[in-house]
Amino acid sequence: MPTPRFLTLDDVAEILNVSWSQAYALVRRKELIAIQIGGRGQWRVENEELERFIAQKYAEARAGTVPAETAVEEPDDAPTGPGGRRG
């Protein structure tokens, strides 16, 4: 049987080993491009889009880059712990 062109968010969540809500959050943030189908607005992700997303995440990991919306920075005046370390 050929691979289907479109995946549900349940399929995407299973492939990425995340929850449905995490897959939906990727779509809402437009990190993963999806379309809505039908009157109930069910989301579908094209296989090629999922592969592009995965490749992009690997490229970011190799480059050591973290997108700005997920980066966590401590302010310069954050309290320091023993030995001058933060956290």
N, C-alpha and C. Protein backbone atom coordinates (compact mmCIF):
# COMPACT_ATOMS: atom_id res chain seq x y z
N MET A 1 0.84 -1.18 0.00
CA MET A 1 0.00 0.00 0.00
C MET A 1 0.88 1.24 0.00
N PRO A 2 0.64 2.20 -0.89
CA PRO A 2 1.48 3.40 -0.95
C PRO A 2 1.28 4.28 0.29
N THR A 3 2.30 5.05 0.60
CA THR A 3 2.23 5.98 1.72
C THR A 3 1.22 7.07 1.40
N PRO A 4 0.31 7.38 2.35
CA PRO A 4 -0.65 8.45 2.09
C PRO A 4 0.05 9.80 1.98
N ARG A 5 -0.52 10.68 1.16
CA ARG A 5 0.08 12.00 0.96
C ARG A 5 -0.07 12.87 2.20
N PHE A 6 -1.23 12.76 2.88
CA PHE A 6 -1.52 13.61 4.03
C PHE A 6 -1.58 12.79 5.31
N LEU A 7 -1.16 13.41 6.40
CA LEU A 7 -1.18 12.80 7.72
C LEU A 7 -2.09 13.61 8.64
N THR A 8 -2.74 12.94 9.57
CA THR A 8 -3.50 13.63 10.60
C THR A 8 -2.53 14.11 11.67
N LEU A 9 -3.01 14.95 12.58
CA LEU A 9 -2.15 15.37 13.68
C LEU A 9 -1.85 14.20 14.61
N ASP A 10 -2.76 13.24 14.69
CA ASP A 10 -2.46 12.02 15.46
C ASP A 10 -1.27 11.29 14.84
N ASP A 11 -1.26 11.19 13.50
CA ASP A 11 -0.14 10.54 12.81
C ASP A 11 1.16 11.28 13.07
N VAL A 12 1.10 12.61 12.94
CA VAL A 12 2.29 13.45 13.15
C VAL A 12 2.81 13.27 14.57
N ALA A 13 1.90 13.30 15.54
CA ALA A 13 2.29 13.14 16.94
C ALA A 13 2.97 11.79 17.16
N GLU A 14 2.44 10.75 16.55
CA GLU A 14 3.03 9.43 16.69
C GLU A 14 4.42 9.37 16.06
N ILE A 15 4.56 9.93 14.87
CA ILE A 15 5.85 9.91 14.18
C ILE A 15 6.90 10.67 14.97
N LEU A 16 6.53 11.84 15.51
CA LEU A 16 7.47 12.67 16.27
C LEU A 16 7.59 12.24 17.74
N ASN A 17 6.75 11.28 18.14
CA ASN A 17 6.73 10.81 19.53
C ASN A 17 6.45 11.96 20.50
N VAL A 18 5.42 12.75 20.17
CA VAL A 18 4.96 13.85 21.01
C VAL A 18 3.45 13.71 21.19
N SER A 19 2.86 14.53 22.03
CA SER A 19 1.41 14.50 22.21
C SER A 19 0.72 15.22 21.06
N TRP A 20 -0.59 14.97 20.94
CA TRP A 20 -1.38 15.66 19.92
C TRP A 20 -1.30 17.17 20.12
N SER A 21 -1.38 17.62 21.37
CA SER A 21 -1.36 19.06 21.64
C SER A 21 -0.01 19.68 21.27
N GLN A 22 1.07 18.93 21.42
CA GLN A 22 2.38 19.45 20.99
C GLN A 22 2.44 19.55 19.47
N ALA A 23 1.88 18.57 18.76
CA ALA A 23 1.85 18.63 17.30
C ALA A 23 1.00 19.82 16.85
N TYR A 24 -0.14 20.02 17.51
CA TYR A 24 -1.02 21.14 17.17
C TYR A 24 -0.32 22.47 17.44
N ALA A 25 0.46 22.57 18.51
CA ALA A 25 1.20 23.79 18.82
C ALA A 25 2.20 24.11 17.71
N LEU A 26 2.85 23.10 17.14
CA LEU A 26 3.77 23.32 16.02
C LEU A 26 3.03 23.93 14.83
N VAL A 27 1.81 23.46 14.59
CA VAL A 27 0.99 23.98 13.49
C VAL A 27 0.56 25.42 13.80
N ARG A 28 0.10 25.66 15.03
CA ARG A 28 -0.34 27.01 15.41
C ARG A 28 0.78 28.02 15.27
N ARG A 29 1.99 27.62 15.65
CA ARG A 29 3.15 28.53 15.56
C ARG A 29 3.72 28.60 14.15
N LYS A 30 3.12 27.83 13.24
CA LYS A 30 3.56 27.78 11.83
C LYS A 30 4.97 27.25 11.66
N GLU A 31 5.43 26.47 12.64
CA GLU A 31 6.69 25.76 12.47
C GLU A 31 6.49 24.58 11.54
N LEU A 32 5.30 24.01 11.60
CA LEU A 32 4.91 22.88 10.76
C LEU A 32 3.68 23.33 9.98
N ILE A 33 3.78 23.35 8.66
CA ILE A 33 2.69 23.84 7.82
C ILE A 33 1.65 22.75 7.63
N ALA A 34 0.38 23.13 7.85
CA ALA A 34 -0.73 22.20 7.72
C ALA A 34 -1.91 22.92 7.07
N ILE A 35 -2.86 22.14 6.59
CA ILE A 35 -4.08 22.70 6.01
C ILE A 35 -5.28 22.14 6.75
N GLN A 36 -6.39 22.89 6.71
CA GLN A 36 -7.62 22.43 7.32
C GLN A 36 -8.53 21.89 6.23
N ILE A 37 -9.12 20.74 6.51
CA ILE A 37 -9.98 20.05 5.55
C ILE A 37 -11.36 19.86 6.18
N GLY A 38 -12.40 20.08 5.38
CA GLY A 38 -13.75 19.77 5.81
C GLY A 38 -14.36 20.81 6.73
N GLY A 39 -15.67 20.60 6.99
CA GLY A 39 -16.43 21.53 7.80
C GLY A 39 -15.98 21.60 9.25
N ARG A 40 -15.41 20.55 9.76
CA ARG A 40 -14.95 20.54 11.15
C ARG A 40 -13.52 21.03 11.29
N GLY A 41 -12.91 21.40 10.18
CA GLY A 41 -11.57 21.96 10.21
C GLY A 41 -10.50 21.03 10.72
N GLN A 42 -10.52 19.79 10.28
CA GLN A 42 -9.50 18.84 10.70
C GLN A 42 -8.19 19.16 9.98
N TRP A 43 -7.09 19.12 10.72
CA TRP A 43 -5.78 19.46 10.18
C TRP A 43 -5.16 18.27 9.47
N ARG A 44 -4.48 18.58 8.35
CA ARG A 44 -3.72 17.59 7.61
C ARG A 44 -2.35 18.16 7.29
N VAL A 45 -1.34 17.31 7.44
CA VAL A 45 0.05 17.70 7.17
C VAL A 45 0.55 16.83 6.02
N GLU A 46 1.08 17.46 5.00
CA GLU A 46 1.61 16.72 3.87
C GLU A 46 2.92 16.05 4.30
N ASN A 47 3.13 14.81 3.85
CA ASN A 47 4.34 14.07 4.19
C ASN A 47 5.60 14.89 3.93
N GLU A 48 5.65 15.56 2.78
CA GLU A 48 6.83 16.36 2.42
C GLU A 48 7.07 17.48 3.42
N GLU A 49 5.99 18.08 3.95
CA GLU A 49 6.14 19.14 4.94
C GLU A 49 6.71 18.60 6.24
N LEU A 50 6.27 17.43 6.65
CA LEU A 50 6.80 16.82 7.86
C LEU A 50 8.28 16.50 7.68
N GLU A 51 8.65 15.96 6.54
CA GLU A 51 10.07 15.65 6.27
C GLU A 51 10.90 16.92 6.25
N ARG A 52 10.36 18.01 5.69
CA ARG A 52 11.07 19.30 5.67
C ARG A 52 11.27 19.80 7.10
N PHE A 53 10.23 19.69 7.92
CA PHE A 53 10.31 20.11 9.31
C PHE A 53 11.40 19.34 10.06
N ILE A 54 11.41 18.03 9.88
CA ILE A 54 12.40 17.19 10.56
C ILE A 54 13.81 17.55 10.09
N ALA A 55 13.99 17.73 8.78
CA ALA A 55 15.31 18.09 8.24
C ALA A 55 15.76 19.44 8.79
N GLN A 56 14.83 20.39 8.91
CA GLN A 56 15.16 21.71 9.45
C GLN A 56 15.60 21.61 10.90
N LYS A 57 14.92 20.78 11.68
CA LYS A 57 15.29 20.62 13.08
C LYS A 57 16.67 19.97 13.21
N TYR A 58 16.99 19.02 12.35
CA TYR A 58 18.33 18.43 12.35
C TYR A 58 19.38 19.46 11.97
N ALA A 59 19.09 20.29 10.97
CA ALA A 59 20.03 21.33 10.56
C ALA A 59 20.28 22.32 11.70
N GLU A 60 19.21 22.69 12.42
CA GLU A 60 19.36 23.58 13.57
C GLU A 60 20.21 22.93 14.66
N ALA A 61 19.99 21.65 14.89
CA ALA A 61 20.77 20.94 15.91
C ALA A 61 22.24 20.88 15.53
N ARG A 62 22.52 20.61 14.27
CA ARG A 62 23.91 20.54 13.81
C ARG A 62 24.59 21.89 13.92
N ALA A 63 23.85 22.96 13.62
CA ALA A 63 24.41 24.31 13.66
C ALA A 63 24.48 24.85 15.08
N GLY A 64 23.82 24.18 16.00
CA GLY A 64 23.82 24.65 17.37
C GLY A 64 22.94 25.87 17.57
N THR A 65 21.97 26.07 16.69
CA THR A 65 21.09 27.23 16.80
C THR A 65 19.78 26.83 17.45
N VAL A 66 19.21 27.77 18.19
CA VAL A 66 17.91 27.57 18.80
C VAL A 66 17.04 28.74 18.37
N PRO A 67 15.85 28.48 17.82
CA PRO A 67 14.98 29.59 17.42
C PRO A 67 14.70 30.51 18.60
N ALA A 68 14.57 31.80 18.34
CA ALA A 68 14.40 32.81 19.39
C ALA A 68 13.22 32.54 20.29
N GLU A 69 12.10 32.06 19.76
CA GLU A 69 10.92 31.84 20.59
C GLU A 69 11.07 30.70 21.58
N THR A 70 12.07 29.83 21.37
CA THR A 70 12.26 28.73 22.31
C THR A 70 13.51 28.92 23.17
N ALA A 71 14.32 29.91 22.85
CA ALA A 71 15.53 30.16 23.64
C ALA A 71 15.14 30.76 24.98
N VAL A 72 15.84 30.33 26.02
CA VAL A 72 15.60 30.85 27.36
C VAL A 72 16.85 31.56 27.80
N GLU A 73 16.70 32.83 28.11
CA GLU A 73 17.85 33.61 28.55
C GLU A 73 17.59 34.11 29.96
N GLU A 74 18.65 34.12 30.77
CA GLU A 74 18.55 34.65 32.11
C GLU A 74 18.99 36.11 32.07
N PRO A 75 18.30 36.98 32.81
CA PRO A 75 18.73 38.38 32.83
C PRO A 75 20.09 38.52 33.49
N ASP A 76 20.81 39.60 33.15
CA ASP A 76 22.15 39.82 33.69
C ASP A 76 22.14 39.98 35.20
N ASP A 77 21.02 40.44 35.77
CA ASP A 77 20.96 40.65 37.21
C ASP A 77 20.33 39.47 37.95
N ALA A 78 20.28 38.29 37.29
CA ALA A 78 19.71 37.10 37.95
C ALA A 78 20.59 36.72 39.11
N PRO A 79 19.97 36.26 40.20
CA PRO A 79 20.78 35.87 41.36
C PRO A 79 21.67 34.68 41.04
N THR A 80 22.82 34.65 41.67
CA THR A 80 23.75 33.55 41.46
C THR A 80 23.77 32.66 42.68
N GLY A 81 24.09 31.40 42.42
CA GLY A 81 24.18 30.42 43.50
C GLY A 81 25.59 30.31 44.00
N PRO A 82 25.88 29.22 44.74
CA PRO A 82 27.24 29.01 45.25
C PRO A 82 28.27 29.00 44.13
N GLY A 83 29.38 29.62 44.34
CA GLY A 83 30.45 29.64 43.36
C GLY A 83 30.17 30.59 42.21
N GLY A 84 29.17 31.47 42.37
CA GLY A 84 28.87 32.45 41.34
C GLY A 84 28.07 31.90 40.18
N ARG A 85 27.57 30.66 40.31
CA ARG A 85 26.79 30.06 39.23
C ARG A 85 25.33 30.43 39.36
N ARG A 86 24.69 30.60 38.21
CA ARG A 86 23.26 30.89 38.21
C ARG A 86 22.49 29.58 38.26
N GLY A 87 21.25 29.68 38.76
CA GLY A 87 20.35 28.53 38.74
C GLY A 87 20.48 27.74 39.91
